[in-house]
Protein backbone atom coordinates (compact mmCIF):
# COMPACT_ATOMS: atom_id res chain seq x y z
CA MET A 1 -135.05 -67.24 111.53
CA HIS A 2 -136.89 -69.07 114.27
CA TYR A 3 -139.67 -71.47 113.35
CA PHE A 4 -141.89 -72.17 116.34
CA VAL A 5 -144.32 -75.08 116.11
CA ASP A 6 -147.83 -74.22 117.33
CA GLY A 7 -150.22 -77.07 116.56
CA PHE A 8 -150.08 -77.44 112.79
CA ASN A 9 -149.11 -73.83 112.16
CA ILE A 10 -145.54 -72.72 111.56
CA ILE A 11 -144.90 -69.20 112.88
CA GLN A 12 -141.75 -67.40 111.83
CA TYR A 13 -139.72 -65.21 114.17
CA ARG A 14 -136.56 -63.18 113.82
CA GLY A 15 -133.84 -64.04 116.28
CA LEU A 16 -131.06 -66.44 117.14
CA ILE A 17 -131.95 -70.04 118.00
CA MET A 18 -129.79 -72.82 119.36
CA ASN A 19 -129.32 -74.47 115.93
CA ASP A 20 -127.61 -71.27 114.79
CA ALA A 21 -125.43 -70.97 117.89
CA ILE A 22 -122.24 -71.72 115.95
CA LYS A 23 -122.91 -68.67 113.76
CA ILE A 24 -122.39 -66.28 116.65
CA PHE A 25 -118.66 -66.65 116.14
CA GLN A 26 -118.78 -65.46 112.54
CA SER A 27 -117.56 -61.91 111.98
CA ASN A 28 -120.46 -61.00 109.70
CA ILE A 29 -123.01 -61.60 112.47
CA THR A 30 -124.09 -58.39 114.20
CA TRP A 31 -124.14 -57.97 117.98
CA GLU A 32 -127.95 -57.93 118.04
CA GLU A 33 -128.04 -61.27 116.21
CA LYS A 34 -125.82 -62.80 118.91
CA VAL A 35 -128.30 -61.99 121.68
CA PHE A 36 -131.38 -63.98 122.60
CA SER A 37 -134.58 -61.94 122.69
CA ALA A 38 -136.57 -62.22 125.94
CA ASP A 39 -139.56 -60.85 124.03
CA ILE A 40 -139.42 -63.78 121.60
CA VAL A 41 -139.01 -66.28 124.43
CA TRP A 42 -142.04 -64.86 126.25
CA ASP A 43 -144.09 -64.86 123.04
CA ASN A 44 -143.23 -68.53 122.54
CA ILE A 45 -144.20 -69.31 126.13
CA LEU A 46 -147.60 -67.65 125.73
CA LYS A 47 -148.33 -69.61 122.56
CA ALA A 48 -147.21 -72.84 124.19
CA LEU A 49 -149.47 -72.24 127.19
CA ASP A 50 -152.42 -71.72 124.85
CA GLY A 51 -154.43 -69.61 127.27
CA LYS A 52 -153.26 -71.16 130.52
CA ASP A 53 -152.16 -68.77 133.25
CA LEU A 54 -148.85 -69.03 135.03
CA PRO A 55 -148.82 -68.39 138.79
CA LYS A 56 -147.30 -65.04 139.71
CA THR A 57 -144.46 -64.61 142.18
CA PRO A 58 -144.39 -62.15 145.13
CA ARG A 59 -141.64 -59.58 144.71
CA ARG A 60 -139.97 -58.07 147.76
CA PRO A 61 -141.23 -54.54 148.44
CA ASP A 62 -138.80 -51.80 149.45
CA VAL A 63 -138.92 -49.64 152.54
CA ARG A 64 -140.20 -46.15 151.86
CA LEU A 65 -140.47 -42.91 153.76
CA ILE A 66 -143.43 -40.55 153.32
CA ALA A 67 -143.03 -36.94 154.47
CA GLN A 68 -145.91 -34.46 154.49
CA ASN A 69 -145.27 -30.84 153.60
CA VAL A 70 -146.80 -28.71 156.37
CA SER A 71 -144.13 -26.00 156.22
CA GLY A 72 -146.28 -23.42 154.47
CA ILE A 73 -143.67 -23.37 151.67
CA ASP A 74 -144.01 -24.91 148.21
CA PHE A 75 -140.95 -27.02 147.37
CA GLU A 76 -139.31 -28.17 144.16
CA VAL A 77 -137.63 -31.44 145.11
CA ARG A 78 -134.81 -32.96 143.10
CA ASN A 79 -134.96 -36.70 142.51
CA PRO A 80 -131.57 -38.44 142.86
CA GLY A 81 -132.99 -41.49 141.07
CA ASP A 82 -134.84 -42.07 137.80
CA HIS A 83 -138.45 -42.53 138.97
CA SER A 84 -139.53 -39.30 137.26
CA ASN A 85 -136.93 -39.39 134.49
CA GLY A 86 -134.78 -36.88 136.32
CA LYS A 87 -137.49 -34.26 136.63
CA PRO A 88 -137.93 -32.45 139.96
CA SER A 89 -141.23 -32.74 141.79
CA ASP A 90 -143.40 -29.84 142.91
CA VAL A 91 -144.61 -30.61 146.42
CA LYS A 92 -146.95 -27.89 147.62
CA SER A 93 -147.94 -27.25 151.20
CA GLY A 94 -151.49 -27.48 152.53
CA THR A 95 -153.01 -29.47 149.65
CA ASP A 96 -154.51 -32.93 149.41
CA ASN A 97 -151.32 -34.07 147.64
CA SER A 98 -148.71 -32.53 149.88
CA ALA A 99 -146.41 -35.47 150.59
CA MET A 100 -143.06 -36.55 149.19
CA MET A 101 -142.30 -40.23 148.73
CA ALA A 102 -138.75 -41.48 149.33
CA MET A 103 -137.09 -44.82 148.59
CA LEU A 104 -133.98 -45.73 150.54
CA LYS A 105 -130.73 -47.33 149.54
CA GLY A 106 -129.73 -50.65 151.10
CA ASN A 107 -129.28 -54.23 149.99
CA THR A 108 -131.58 -55.56 152.71
CA LEU A 109 -134.85 -54.41 154.19
CA GLU A 110 -133.06 -53.77 157.48
CA ASP A 111 -130.51 -51.52 155.74
CA GLN A 112 -133.29 -49.54 154.08
CA LEU A 113 -135.15 -49.20 157.37
CA LYS A 114 -132.02 -47.91 159.10
CA ASN A 115 -131.54 -45.28 156.42
CA ALA A 116 -135.18 -44.17 156.71
CA GLN A 117 -134.81 -43.85 160.47
CA LEU A 118 -131.53 -42.00 160.00
CA LEU A 119 -133.22 -39.39 157.80
CA ASP A 120 -135.99 -39.04 160.37
CA HIS A 121 -133.38 -38.49 163.08
CA MET A 122 -131.34 -36.02 161.01
CA PHE A 123 -134.27 -33.81 159.98
CA SER A 124 -136.91 -34.51 162.68
CA ILE A 125 -139.35 -35.55 159.97
CA ARG A 126 -141.96 -36.94 162.33
CA GLU A 127 -142.19 -33.52 164.03
CA LYS A 128 -141.56 -31.23 161.03
CA GLY A 129 -142.56 -33.26 158.01
CA LEU A 130 -140.93 -32.14 154.76
CA SER A 131 -138.85 -29.25 156.05
CA PRO A 132 -136.71 -26.67 154.20
CA GLU A 133 -133.60 -28.30 155.69
CA PHE A 134 -134.56 -31.73 154.39
CA VAL A 135 -135.35 -30.41 150.91
CA GLU A 136 -132.08 -28.44 150.80
CA ALA A 137 -130.11 -31.57 151.68
CA ILE A 138 -131.91 -33.52 148.92
CA ASN A 139 -131.40 -30.81 146.30
CA ASN A 140 -127.72 -30.41 147.19
CA GLY A 141 -127.09 -34.14 146.98
CA ASP A 142 -126.06 -34.31 150.65
CA VAL A 143 -128.12 -37.46 151.31
CA ASP A 144 -127.59 -39.25 147.99
CA ASN A 145 -125.64 -41.94 149.82
CA ILE A 146 -128.79 -43.08 151.64
CA LEU A 147 -131.63 -41.72 149.48
CA ASP A 148 -132.45 -43.66 146.31
CA GLU A 149 -135.57 -41.89 145.03
CA ALA A 150 -137.55 -38.78 146.00
CA TYR A 151 -140.74 -37.95 144.15
CA GLY A 152 -144.25 -36.63 144.52
CA PRO A 153 -146.62 -35.09 145.18
CA ALA A 154 -148.76 -37.75 146.84
CA PRO A 155 -151.60 -37.89 149.39
CA PHE A 156 -150.03 -38.51 152.80
CA GLU A 157 -152.90 -40.43 154.41
CA GLY A 158 -153.64 -42.49 151.32
CA GLN A 159 -150.02 -43.58 150.95
CA ALA A 160 -149.48 -44.17 154.68
CA LYS A 161 -152.51 -46.49 154.78
CA ARG A 162 -150.83 -48.73 152.21
CA LEU A 163 -147.96 -49.54 154.57
CA ILE A 164 -148.21 -52.89 156.35
CA ASP A 165 -146.35 -54.91 158.95
CA LEU A 166 -144.27 -56.92 156.51
CA GLN A 167 -142.77 -60.33 157.14
CA TRP A 168 -140.32 -61.44 154.48
CA THR A 169 -138.01 -64.44 154.11
CA SER A 170 -134.93 -64.08 151.94
CA GLY A 171 -133.68 -66.68 149.49
CA ASP A 172 -131.17 -67.72 152.14
CA GLY A 173 -133.92 -68.27 154.72
CA VAL A 174 -133.28 -65.08 156.73
CA GLU A 175 -136.52 -63.68 158.20
CA SER A 176 -137.22 -59.95 158.30
CA THR A 177 -140.02 -58.05 159.99
CA ILE A 178 -140.66 -54.43 159.00
CA GLN A 179 -143.32 -52.75 161.11
CA ALA A 180 -145.15 -49.76 159.72
CA GLN A 181 -144.45 -46.55 161.66
CA VAL A 182 -147.07 -43.87 160.98
CA ASN A 183 -146.86 -40.50 162.72
CA LYS A 184 -148.63 -37.22 162.09
CA PHE A 185 -146.25 -35.95 159.40
CA CYS A 186 -144.07 -38.98 158.65
CA ALA A 187 -144.63 -42.62 157.75
CA ILE A 188 -142.02 -45.36 157.34
CA GLY A 189 -142.64 -48.91 156.21
CA ALA A 190 -143.22 -51.24 153.29
CA ARG A 191 -146.22 -52.06 151.16
CA GLU A 192 -147.58 -55.51 150.53
CA ALA A 193 -145.50 -57.52 148.10
CA GLU A 194 -146.59 -57.09 144.50
CA MET A 195 -147.30 -60.16 142.40
CA GLU A 196 -145.07 -60.34 139.34
CA THR A 197 -144.95 -62.60 136.30
CA VAL A 198 -141.52 -64.20 136.10
CA VAL A 199 -140.12 -67.42 134.66
CA LEU A 200 -136.76 -69.17 134.97
CA VAL A 201 -135.67 -70.23 131.48
CA LYS A 202 -133.19 -73.05 130.99
CA PHE A 203 -131.20 -72.48 127.77
CA PRO A 204 -129.28 -75.58 126.63
CA LEU A 205 -125.78 -74.90 125.32
CA TYR A 206 -123.49 -77.75 124.29
CA VAL A 207 -119.75 -77.82 123.68
CA LYS A 208 -118.08 -80.57 121.61
CA GLY A 209 -114.41 -81.42 121.63
CA THR A 210 -112.33 -82.88 118.81
CA ASN A 211 -113.18 -86.51 119.56
CA THR A 212 -115.72 -86.15 122.35
CA VAL A 213 -119.45 -86.21 122.74
CA GLU A 214 -121.29 -82.95 123.32
CA GLU A 215 -121.28 -81.70 126.93
CA LEU A 216 -124.07 -79.56 128.32
CA VAL A 217 -122.88 -76.30 129.86
CA GLU A 218 -123.93 -76.10 133.51
CA SER A 219 -126.06 -73.03 134.06
CA ASP A 220 -128.70 -71.71 136.43
CA GLY A 221 -130.55 -70.29 133.45
CA MET A 222 -131.98 -66.79 133.21
CA CYS A 223 -135.07 -65.31 134.84
CA ILE A 224 -137.35 -63.26 132.60
CA ALA A 225 -139.75 -60.89 134.33
CA VAL A 226 -142.78 -59.55 132.48
CA GLN A 227 -144.51 -56.25 133.20
CA GLU A 228 -147.49 -54.38 131.79
CA ASP A 229 -147.37 -50.60 131.62
CA TRP A 230 -150.31 -49.31 133.68
CA GLN A 231 -150.98 -46.51 131.19
CA THR A 232 -150.23 -47.94 127.74
CA LYS A 233 -150.83 -51.62 128.65
CA GLU A 234 -147.72 -52.47 126.65
CA ILE A 235 -145.88 -55.62 127.70
CA SER A 236 -142.15 -55.46 128.38
CA THR A 237 -139.63 -58.07 129.51
CA ARG A 238 -136.37 -57.84 131.42
CA PRO A 239 -133.77 -60.54 132.10
CA ILE A 240 -132.65 -61.06 135.70
CA VAL A 241 -129.74 -63.31 136.62
CA PRO A 242 -130.81 -65.89 139.23
CA SER A 243 -128.46 -64.56 141.93
CA VAL A 244 -130.19 -61.17 141.72
CA ALA A 245 -133.64 -62.76 141.36
CA LYS A 246 -133.14 -64.50 144.72
CA VAL A 247 -132.88 -61.03 146.29
CA PHE A 248 -135.97 -59.76 144.47
CA TYR A 249 -138.20 -62.76 145.20
CA GLY A 250 -136.74 -64.18 148.41
CA LYS A 251 -137.93 -67.67 149.31
CA TYR A 252 -140.47 -67.45 146.48
CA PHE A 253 -137.61 -67.68 143.98
CA PHE A 254 -137.83 -71.45 144.38
CA ASP A 255 -141.49 -71.39 143.27
CA ILE A 256 -140.82 -69.53 140.02
CA PRO A 257 -142.16 -71.45 136.98
CA ILE A 258 -139.35 -73.16 135.07
CA VAL A 259 -139.26 -73.18 131.27
CA GLU A 260 -137.13 -75.67 129.37
CA VAL A 261 -136.29 -75.05 125.72
CA SER A 262 -134.92 -77.48 123.18
CA ILE A 263 -131.66 -77.19 121.26
CA GLU A 264 -133.78 -75.81 118.40
CA GLY A 265 -135.24 -73.14 120.65
CA ASP A 266 -138.74 -74.66 121.01
CA ILE A 267 -140.57 -74.77 124.33
CA LEU A 268 -140.28 -78.29 125.75
CA ASN A 269 -141.73 -77.96 129.20
CA ILE A 270 -143.19 -75.36 131.55
CA SER A 271 -143.51 -76.33 135.18
CA VAL A 272 -143.94 -75.03 138.66
CA PRO A 273 -141.77 -76.98 141.12
CA SER A 274 -143.58 -80.29 141.77
CA THR A 275 -146.40 -79.40 139.32
CA VAL A 276 -146.32 -79.45 135.54
CA VAL A 277 -148.55 -76.69 134.22
CA GLY A 278 -147.18 -76.28 130.74
CA VAL A 279 -146.38 -78.27 127.65
CA THR A 280 -144.38 -81.15 126.31
CA GLN A 281 -143.27 -81.57 122.73
CA GLN A 282 -144.31 -84.67 120.81
CA ASN A 283 -144.03 -85.28 117.07
CA ASN A 284 -143.07 -81.64 116.46
CA GLN A 285 -146.33 -80.50 118.04
CA LEU A 286 -146.69 -78.72 121.33
CA LYS A 287 -149.40 -80.26 123.48
CA LEU A 288 -150.74 -79.08 126.77
CA ASP A 289 -150.41 -81.48 129.66
């Protein structure tokens, strides 16, 4: 059980805390009991903040290709990814929602842009839009090596207007510029970066030798991103290792709020680099700075 101190109230949670860390090696402990819950961590952070808002972090957008169906043929388009839970999309011709959206594979924005331009070159998308040849290649899996997602239908003009000239700096300081390319039947580019709630949590873990003092395990911690479902409004969390988070958030990774927890699992401090915005623990009570 986890007892989290909130003012004078003791709130009980299920889950593993640092005091119980030694128990993870016992055979009668289940796998689920050996895993820290990001949901519990986020719940503790919210209670510690006591109504204060954390700054959000820009997340790198991906390059996308938008192809309008002007073929006069209604298409059923297979999605190689999981955007629509594996269901094909019906993209009709000559309607207000007659475009297919495509996300490209590639570790960098430049790689994704090259793949979008390659598809345009292979199928003359800017002249033909969503053509039978392009759809056949998608449905047969012939372009799965460069196409990550394909879904729709969507309004071509409305989606094309959301593309911007994007300037992005990676976590390694590499600058990228992706210019929006909008033609009559095809648009390629990236949207503005979305603002995402994410924290970098520092979990203390100590190891003691036979006749030694405890040594703190060196760790970069774990990022926890928080999302709200736009339909149900339900909150969900997902852990992201810092090396991957640097790709997602680029230079803004270094501005992610940092959360320090105690050996007992309580929230000790929440800070944005150079600015404390969270809490400190004094006399078993969490107080806002």
